[in-house]
């Protein structure tokens, strides 16, 4: 056998051994597994902190990335709130104009004698109830 065949054979043997080791399972109690998992997580966290202290440039880049994400999120949230507030103002103006027109027309009809006074009072009570409900819904939005 020449050197290339020997290297190829060694590589194949190593691959077979690694595969056999991976497929073999070891039965350990759940509590032991949890302890091993916790120890591994603590080691990862510690190694992250050690690496962060060794290379502070990486943490600065991470901080800048998080800051950019938070800033863009806050900017889009502020834009959405502004648009929603504008819509609420338009909605309130439309409701006030319509209710003013209805109450004005009912008051005029009552003043010329075409509408009974009790009907005007009923209309005013209904409108007041509607306004209270409307304002409650506006506060919850």
N, C-alpha and C. Protein backbone atom coordinates (compact mmCIF):
# COMPACT_ATOMS: atom_id res chain seq x y z
N UNK A 1 0.84 -1.19 0.00
CA UNK A 1 0.00 0.00 0.00
C UNK A 1 0.88 1.24 0.00
N UNK A 2 0.46 2.22 -0.76
CA UNK A 2 1.23 3.46 -0.78
C UNK A 2 0.70 4.42 0.28
N UNK A 3 1.31 5.61 0.37
CA UNK A 3 0.96 6.57 1.42
C UNK A 3 -0.47 7.11 1.29
N UNK A 4 -0.89 7.33 0.05
CA UNK A 4 -2.24 7.88 -0.16
C UNK A 4 -3.30 6.87 0.30
N UNK A 5 -3.11 5.59 -0.01
CA UNK A 5 -4.06 4.57 0.40
C UNK A 5 -4.08 4.44 1.91
N UNK A 6 -2.91 4.56 2.55
CA UNK A 6 -2.84 4.47 4.01
C UNK A 6 -3.59 5.63 4.64
N UNK A 7 -3.40 6.86 4.13
CA UNK A 7 -4.11 8.02 4.65
C UNK A 7 -5.61 7.87 4.46
N UNK A 8 -6.00 7.39 3.29
CA UNK A 8 -7.41 7.19 3.01
C UNK A 8 -8.00 6.16 3.95
N UNK A 9 -7.29 5.10 4.21
CA UNK A 9 -7.75 4.06 5.12
C UNK A 9 -7.85 4.60 6.54
N UNK A 10 -6.89 5.42 6.97
CA UNK A 10 -6.94 6.01 8.30
C UNK A 10 -8.12 6.95 8.44
N UNK A 11 -8.39 7.71 7.41
CA UNK A 11 -9.53 8.64 7.45
C UNK A 11 -10.83 7.87 7.53
N UNK A 12 -10.99 6.83 6.73
CA UNK A 12 -12.21 6.02 6.76
C UNK A 12 -12.38 5.34 8.11
N UNK A 13 -11.30 4.84 8.68
CA UNK A 13 -11.35 4.20 9.99
C UNK A 13 -11.78 5.21 11.05
N UNK A 14 -11.22 6.41 10.99
CA UNK A 14 -11.58 7.46 11.96
C UNK A 14 -13.05 7.83 11.82
N UNK A 15 -13.53 7.91 10.60
CA UNK A 15 -14.94 8.23 10.38
C UNK A 15 -15.84 7.16 10.96
N UNK A 16 -15.49 5.90 10.75
CA UNK A 16 -16.28 4.79 11.28
C UNK A 16 -16.27 4.80 12.79
N UNK A 17 -15.13 5.05 13.40
CA UNK A 17 -15.03 5.08 14.86
C UNK A 17 -15.88 6.23 15.41
N UNK A 18 -15.80 7.43 14.79
CA UNK A 18 -16.59 8.57 15.25
C UNK A 18 -18.09 8.27 15.14
N UNK A 19 -18.51 7.65 14.05
CA UNK A 19 -19.92 7.30 13.85
C UNK A 19 -20.37 6.31 14.91
N UNK A 20 -19.52 5.32 15.21
CA UNK A 20 -19.86 4.33 16.22
C UNK A 20 -19.98 4.98 17.59
N UNK A 21 -19.09 5.94 17.89
CA UNK A 21 -19.15 6.61 19.18
C UNK A 21 -20.40 7.49 19.30
N UNK A 22 -20.79 8.10 18.20
CA UNK A 22 -21.97 8.95 18.22
C UNK A 22 -23.25 8.13 18.38
N UNK A 23 -23.29 6.94 17.78
CA UNK A 23 -24.51 6.15 17.85
C UNK A 23 -24.66 5.43 19.19
N UNK A 24 -23.58 5.26 19.91
CA UNK A 24 -23.66 4.60 21.21
C UNK A 24 -24.28 5.57 22.21
N UNK A 25 -25.25 5.10 22.97
CA UNK A 25 -25.90 5.97 23.95
C UNK A 25 -25.58 5.48 25.35
N UNK A 26 -25.51 6.43 26.26
CA UNK A 26 -25.21 6.11 27.65
C UNK A 26 -26.44 6.47 28.46
N UNK A 27 -26.89 5.53 29.26
CA UNK A 27 -28.07 5.77 30.08
C UNK A 27 -27.63 6.40 31.41
N UNK A 28 -28.08 7.64 31.65
CA UNK A 28 -27.78 8.30 32.93
C UNK A 28 -29.09 8.79 33.51
N UNK A 29 -29.15 8.90 34.81
CA UNK A 29 -30.39 9.38 35.44
C UNK A 29 -30.69 10.83 35.03
N UNK A 30 -31.95 11.19 35.11
CA UNK A 30 -32.40 12.53 34.71
C UNK A 30 -31.74 13.62 35.53
N UNK A 31 -31.58 13.41 36.82
CA UNK A 31 -30.96 14.40 37.68
C UNK A 31 -29.51 14.67 37.29
N UNK A 32 -28.78 13.61 36.95
CA UNK A 32 -27.39 13.77 36.52
C UNK A 32 -27.32 14.52 35.19
N UNK A 33 -28.25 14.20 34.30
CA UNK A 33 -28.29 14.88 33.01
C UNK A 33 -28.54 16.37 33.20
N UNK A 34 -29.47 16.70 34.09
CA UNK A 34 -29.77 18.11 34.36
C UNK A 34 -28.56 18.83 34.93
N UNK A 35 -27.83 18.17 35.83
CA UNK A 35 -26.62 18.78 36.41
C UNK A 35 -25.56 19.02 35.34
N UNK A 36 -25.38 18.05 34.45
CA UNK A 36 -24.41 18.21 33.37
C UNK A 36 -24.81 19.34 32.43
N UNK A 37 -26.09 19.41 32.12
CA UNK A 37 -26.59 20.46 31.25
C UNK A 37 -26.42 21.83 31.88
N UNK A 38 -26.72 21.93 33.17
CA UNK A 38 -26.56 23.20 33.89
C UNK A 38 -25.09 23.61 33.95
N UNK A 39 -24.21 22.66 34.18
CA UNK A 39 -22.78 22.96 34.22
C UNK A 39 -22.30 23.45 32.87
N UNK A 40 -22.79 22.84 31.80
CA UNK A 40 -22.39 23.26 30.45
C UNK A 40 -22.90 24.68 30.16
N UNK A 41 -24.13 24.98 30.57
CA UNK A 41 -24.67 26.33 30.35
C UNK A 41 -23.88 27.37 31.14
N UNK A 42 -23.50 27.05 32.37
CA UNK A 42 -22.71 27.99 33.18
C UNK A 42 -21.35 28.21 32.54
N UNK A 43 -20.77 27.15 31.99
CA UNK A 43 -19.47 27.28 31.35
C UNK A 43 -19.58 28.16 30.11
N UNK A 44 -20.66 28.03 29.34
CA UNK A 44 -20.85 28.86 28.16
C UNK A 44 -21.00 30.33 28.56
N UNK A 45 -21.80 30.59 29.60
CA UNK A 45 -21.99 31.96 30.05
C UNK A 45 -20.68 32.55 30.54
N UNK A 46 -19.92 31.78 31.30
CA UNK A 46 -18.64 32.25 31.82
C UNK A 46 -17.68 32.52 30.67
N UNK A 47 -17.66 31.62 29.69
CA UNK A 47 -16.74 31.82 28.57
C UNK A 47 -17.15 33.04 27.76
N UNK A 48 -18.46 33.31 27.65
CA UNK A 48 -18.91 34.52 26.95
C UNK A 48 -18.42 35.76 27.68
N UNK A 49 -18.55 35.76 29.01
CA UNK A 49 -18.10 36.92 29.78
C UNK A 49 -16.59 37.09 29.67
N UNK A 50 -15.86 35.99 29.71
CA UNK A 50 -14.40 36.07 29.59
C UNK A 50 -14.02 36.62 28.22
N UNK A 51 -14.67 36.12 27.18
CA UNK A 51 -14.39 36.61 25.83
C UNK A 51 -14.79 38.08 25.68
N UNK A 52 -15.90 38.49 26.32
CA UNK A 52 -16.33 39.88 26.24
C UNK A 52 -15.33 40.79 26.92
N UNK A 53 -14.73 40.31 28.02
CA UNK A 53 -13.72 41.12 28.69
C UNK A 53 -12.42 41.17 27.90
N UNK A 54 -12.11 40.09 27.20
CA UNK A 54 -10.90 40.08 26.39
C UNK A 54 -11.06 40.96 25.15
N UNK A 55 -12.24 40.91 24.54
CA UNK A 55 -12.51 41.66 23.30
C UNK A 55 -13.72 42.58 23.49
N UNK A 56 -13.54 43.74 24.09
CA UNK A 56 -14.69 44.62 24.32
C UNK A 56 -15.27 45.19 23.02
N UNK A 57 -14.52 45.12 21.92
CA UNK A 57 -15.03 45.64 20.66
C UNK A 57 -16.28 44.87 20.23
N UNK A 58 -16.30 43.57 20.49
CA UNK A 58 -17.45 42.75 20.13
C UNK A 58 -18.69 43.15 20.90
N UNK A 59 -18.53 43.48 22.16
CA UNK A 59 -19.70 43.88 22.95
C UNK A 59 -20.18 45.27 22.54
N UNK A 60 -19.26 46.12 22.12
CA UNK A 60 -19.67 47.44 21.64
C UNK A 60 -20.48 47.29 20.36
N UNK A 61 -20.05 46.41 19.47
CA UNK A 61 -20.80 46.17 18.24
C UNK A 61 -22.18 45.59 18.55
N UNK A 62 -22.24 44.69 19.52
CA UNK A 62 -23.52 44.11 19.93
C UNK A 62 -24.43 45.19 20.50
N UNK A 63 -23.86 46.06 21.35
CA UNK A 63 -24.64 47.15 21.94
C UNK A 63 -25.16 48.08 20.85
N UNK A 64 -24.32 48.40 19.88
CA UNK A 64 -24.75 49.27 18.79
C UNK A 64 -25.86 48.63 17.96
N UNK A 65 -25.74 47.33 17.72
CA UNK A 65 -26.78 46.63 16.97
C UNK A 65 -28.11 46.63 17.71
N UNK A 66 -28.07 46.37 19.00
CA UNK A 66 -29.30 46.38 19.81
C UNK A 66 -29.89 47.78 19.86
N UNK A 67 -29.03 48.79 19.98
CA UNK A 67 -29.49 50.18 20.02
C UNK A 67 -30.20 50.55 18.72
N UNK A 68 -29.64 50.12 17.58
CA UNK A 68 -30.26 50.41 16.29
C UNK A 68 -31.64 49.77 16.19
N UNK A 69 -31.75 48.52 16.64
CA UNK A 69 -33.04 47.83 16.58
C UNK A 69 -34.07 48.52 17.48
N UNK A 70 -33.66 48.88 18.69
CA UNK A 70 -34.58 49.55 19.62
C UNK A 70 -34.99 50.91 19.08
N UNK A 71 -34.04 51.67 18.53
CA UNK A 71 -34.37 52.99 17.98
C UNK A 71 -35.34 52.90 16.82
N UNK A 72 -35.13 51.94 15.92
CA UNK A 72 -36.04 51.80 14.78
C UNK A 72 -37.42 51.33 15.23
N UNK A 73 -37.46 50.47 16.24
CA UNK A 73 -38.74 50.01 16.77
C UNK A 73 -39.51 51.16 17.41
N UNK A 74 -38.82 51.98 18.21
CA UNK A 74 -39.47 53.12 18.85
C UNK A 74 -39.93 54.14 17.82
N UNK A 75 -39.16 54.35 16.77
CA UNK A 75 -39.55 55.30 15.73
C UNK A 75 -40.80 54.82 15.00
N UNK A 76 -40.86 53.54 14.67
CA UNK A 76 -42.05 53.02 13.98
C UNK A 76 -43.26 53.02 14.90
N UNK A 77 -43.04 52.75 16.19
CA UNK A 77 -44.15 52.79 17.15
C UNK A 77 -44.69 54.21 17.29
N UNK A 78 -43.79 55.19 17.33
CA UNK A 78 -44.21 56.59 17.44
C UNK A 78 -45.00 57.01 16.20
N UNK A 79 -44.57 56.56 15.03
CA UNK A 79 -45.29 56.89 13.79
C UNK A 79 -46.69 56.28 13.81
N UNK A 80 -46.79 55.04 14.25
CA UNK A 80 -48.10 54.40 14.34
C UNK A 80 -49.02 55.13 15.33
N UNK A 81 -48.47 55.54 16.46
CA UNK A 81 -49.26 56.27 17.45
C UNK A 81 -49.72 57.61 16.89
N UNK A 82 -48.84 58.29 16.15
CA UNK A 82 -49.20 59.58 15.56
C UNK A 82 -50.32 59.42 14.54
N UNK A 83 -50.21 58.39 13.69
CA UNK A 83 -51.27 58.13 12.71
C UNK A 83 -52.59 57.78 13.39
N UNK A 84 -52.53 56.99 14.45
CA UNK A 84 -53.74 56.61 15.16
C UNK A 84 -54.36 57.83 15.85
N UNK A 85 -53.54 58.70 16.39
CA UNK A 85 -54.05 59.91 17.04
C UNK A 85 -54.73 60.82 16.03
N UNK A 86 -54.14 60.97 14.85
CA UNK A 86 -54.76 61.78 13.80
C UNK A 86 -56.12 61.20 13.41
N UNK A 87 -56.19 59.88 13.26
CA UNK A 87 -57.46 59.23 12.93
C UNK A 87 -58.48 59.47 14.04
N UNK A 88 -58.07 59.43 15.29
CA UNK A 88 -58.99 59.65 16.41
C UNK A 88 -59.52 61.07 16.39
N UNK A 89 -58.66 62.05 16.10
CA UNK A 89 -59.13 63.44 16.02
C UNK A 89 -60.15 63.63 14.90
N UNK A 90 -59.88 63.05 13.76
CA UNK A 90 -60.83 63.16 12.63
C UNK A 90 -62.15 62.51 13.01
N UNK A 91 -62.10 61.38 13.64
CA UNK A 91 -63.32 60.67 14.05
C UNK A 91 -64.11 61.50 15.07
N UNK A 92 -63.44 62.10 16.03
CA UNK A 92 -64.12 62.92 17.04
C UNK A 92 -64.77 64.14 16.39
N UNK A 93 -64.06 64.78 15.46
CA UNK A 93 -64.62 65.96 14.78
C UNK A 93 -65.87 65.59 13.99
N UNK A 94 -65.83 64.47 13.29
CA UNK A 94 -67.01 64.04 12.52
C UNK A 94 -68.19 63.77 13.44
N UNK A 95 -67.96 63.08 14.56
CA UNK A 95 -69.04 62.77 15.50
C UNK A 95 -69.63 64.06 16.08
N UNK A 96 -68.77 65.00 16.47
CA UNK A 96 -69.26 66.26 17.06
C UNK A 96 -70.08 67.04 16.04
N UNK A 97 -69.62 67.10 14.80
CA UNK A 97 -70.36 67.85 13.77
C UNK A 97 -71.72 67.20 13.51
N UNK A 98 -71.75 65.87 13.38
CA UNK A 98 -73.03 65.19 13.14
C UNK A 98 -74.00 65.36 14.31
N UNK A 99 -73.51 65.17 15.53
CA UNK A 99 -74.39 65.32 16.69
C UNK A 99 -74.84 66.77 16.85
N UNK A 100 -73.97 67.72 16.57
CA UNK A 100 -74.35 69.13 16.62
C UNK A 100 -75.44 69.45 15.62
N UNK A 101 -75.32 68.88 14.41
CA UNK A 101 -76.34 69.11 13.38
C UNK A 101 -77.68 68.50 13.80
N UNK A 102 -77.64 67.30 14.37
CA UNK A 102 -78.89 66.65 14.80
C UNK A 102 -79.53 67.43 15.94
N UNK A 103 -78.75 67.82 16.94
CA UNK A 103 -79.31 68.57 18.08
C UNK A 103 -79.78 69.94 17.62
N UNK A 104 -79.03 70.58 16.72
CA UNK A 104 -79.44 71.89 16.19
C UNK A 104 -80.75 71.80 15.43
N UNK A 105 -80.87 70.78 14.59
CA UNK A 105 -82.11 70.62 13.81
C UNK A 105 -83.29 70.32 14.74
N UNK A 106 -83.06 69.44 15.75
CA UNK A 106 -84.15 69.11 16.68
C UNK A 106 -84.53 70.34 17.50
N UNK A 107 -83.57 71.15 17.91
CA UNK A 107 -83.87 72.37 18.67
C UNK A 107 -84.64 73.36 17.81
N UNK A 108 -84.26 73.52 16.58
CA UNK A 108 -84.97 74.43 15.67
C UNK A 108 -86.41 73.96 15.45
N UNK A 109 -86.57 72.62 15.24
CA UNK A 109 -87.92 72.08 15.05
C UNK A 109 -88.77 72.27 16.30
N UNK A 110 -88.18 72.18 17.48
CA UNK A 110 -88.91 72.39 18.73
C UNK A 110 -89.27 73.87 18.87
N UNK A 111 -88.39 74.76 18.47
CA UNK A 111 -88.66 76.19 18.62
C UNK A 111 -89.77 76.67 17.69
N UNK A 112 -89.94 76.04 16.53
CA UNK A 112 -91.03 76.46 15.63
C UNK A 112 -92.30 75.64 15.86
N UNK A 113 -92.26 74.72 16.81
CA UNK A 113 -93.45 73.98 17.18
C UNK A 113 -93.68 72.70 16.40
N UNK A 114 -92.77 72.27 15.61
CA UNK A 114 -92.95 71.04 14.83
C UNK A 114 -92.57 69.78 15.60
N UNK A 115 -91.78 69.92 16.69
CA UNK A 115 -91.34 68.78 17.48
C UNK A 115 -91.68 69.06 18.93
N UNK A 116 -92.18 68.03 19.59
CA UNK A 116 -92.57 68.17 20.99
C UNK A 116 -91.32 68.30 21.88
N UNK A 117 -91.43 69.01 23.00
CA UNK A 117 -90.30 69.21 23.92
C UNK A 117 -89.82 67.91 24.54
N UNK A 118 -90.76 66.98 24.82
CA UNK A 118 -90.35 65.70 25.41
C UNK A 118 -89.52 64.88 24.41
N UNK A 119 -89.80 65.03 23.13
CA UNK A 119 -89.00 64.34 22.11
C UNK A 119 -87.58 64.90 22.07
N UNK A 120 -87.47 66.22 22.25
CA UNK A 120 -86.14 66.83 22.28
C UNK A 120 -85.35 66.34 23.50
N UNK A 121 -86.02 66.25 24.65
CA UNK A 121 -85.35 65.76 25.86
C UNK A 121 -84.92 64.30 25.66
N UNK A 122 -85.78 63.49 25.06
CA UNK A 122 -85.42 62.09 24.78
C UNK A 122 -84.20 62.03 23.87
N UNK A 123 -84.17 62.86 22.83
CA UNK A 123 -83.04 62.89 21.91
C UNK A 123 -81.76 63.31 22.64
N UNK A 124 -81.86 64.32 23.50
CA UNK A 124 -80.69 64.77 24.25
C UNK A 124 -80.17 63.68 25.19
N UNK A 125 -81.06 62.93 25.82
CA UNK A 125 -80.65 61.82 26.69
C UNK A 125 -79.97 60.71 25.91
N UNK A 126 -80.51 60.41 24.74
CA UNK A 126 -79.91 59.38 23.88
C UNK A 126 -78.52 59.80 23.42
N UNK A 127 -78.40 61.06 23.00
CA UNK A 127 -77.11 61.56 22.54
C UNK A 127 -76.10 61.58 23.68
N UNK A 128 -76.53 61.96 24.88
CA UNK A 128 -75.63 61.97 26.04
C UNK A 128 -75.13 60.55 26.34
N UNK A 129 -76.00 59.57 26.31
CA UNK A 129 -75.60 58.17 26.52
C UNK A 129 -74.62 57.71 25.45
N UNK A 130 -74.89 58.12 24.21
CA UNK A 130 -73.98 57.75 23.12
C UNK A 130 -72.61 58.38 23.34
N UNK A 131 -72.59 59.64 23.72
CA UNK A 131 -71.31 60.32 23.94
C UNK A 131 -70.51 59.67 25.07
N UNK A 132 -71.18 59.29 26.14
CA UNK A 132 -70.48 58.64 27.25
C UNK A 132 -69.88 57.30 26.80
N UNK A 133 -70.65 56.54 26.04
CA UNK A 133 -70.15 55.26 25.52
C UNK A 133 -68.99 55.49 24.55
N UNK A 134 -69.14 56.49 23.69
CA UNK A 134 -68.11 56.80 22.71
C UNK A 134 -66.81 57.21 23.40
N UNK A 135 -66.91 58.05 24.41
CA UNK A 135 -65.70 58.48 25.12
C UNK A 135 -65.04 57.33 25.87
N UNK A 136 -65.84 56.43 26.41
CA UNK A 136 -65.28 55.26 27.09
C UNK A 136 -64.50 54.39 26.12
N UNK A 137 -65.06 54.20 24.93
CA UNK A 137 -64.37 53.40 23.91
C UNK A 137 -63.11 54.11 23.42
N UNK A 138 -63.14 55.42 23.33
CA UNK A 138 -61.97 56.16 22.88
C UNK A 138 -60.82 56.07 23.89
N UNK A 139 -61.16 56.03 25.18
CA UNK A 139 -60.12 55.91 26.21
C UNK A 139 -59.46 54.55 26.19
N UNK A 140 -60.21 53.51 25.83
CA UNK A 140 -59.66 52.16 25.84
C UNK A 140 -58.80 51.88 24.62
N UNK A 141 -58.84 52.69 23.61
CA UNK A 141 -58.05 52.46 22.39
C UNK A 141 -56.63 52.88 22.61
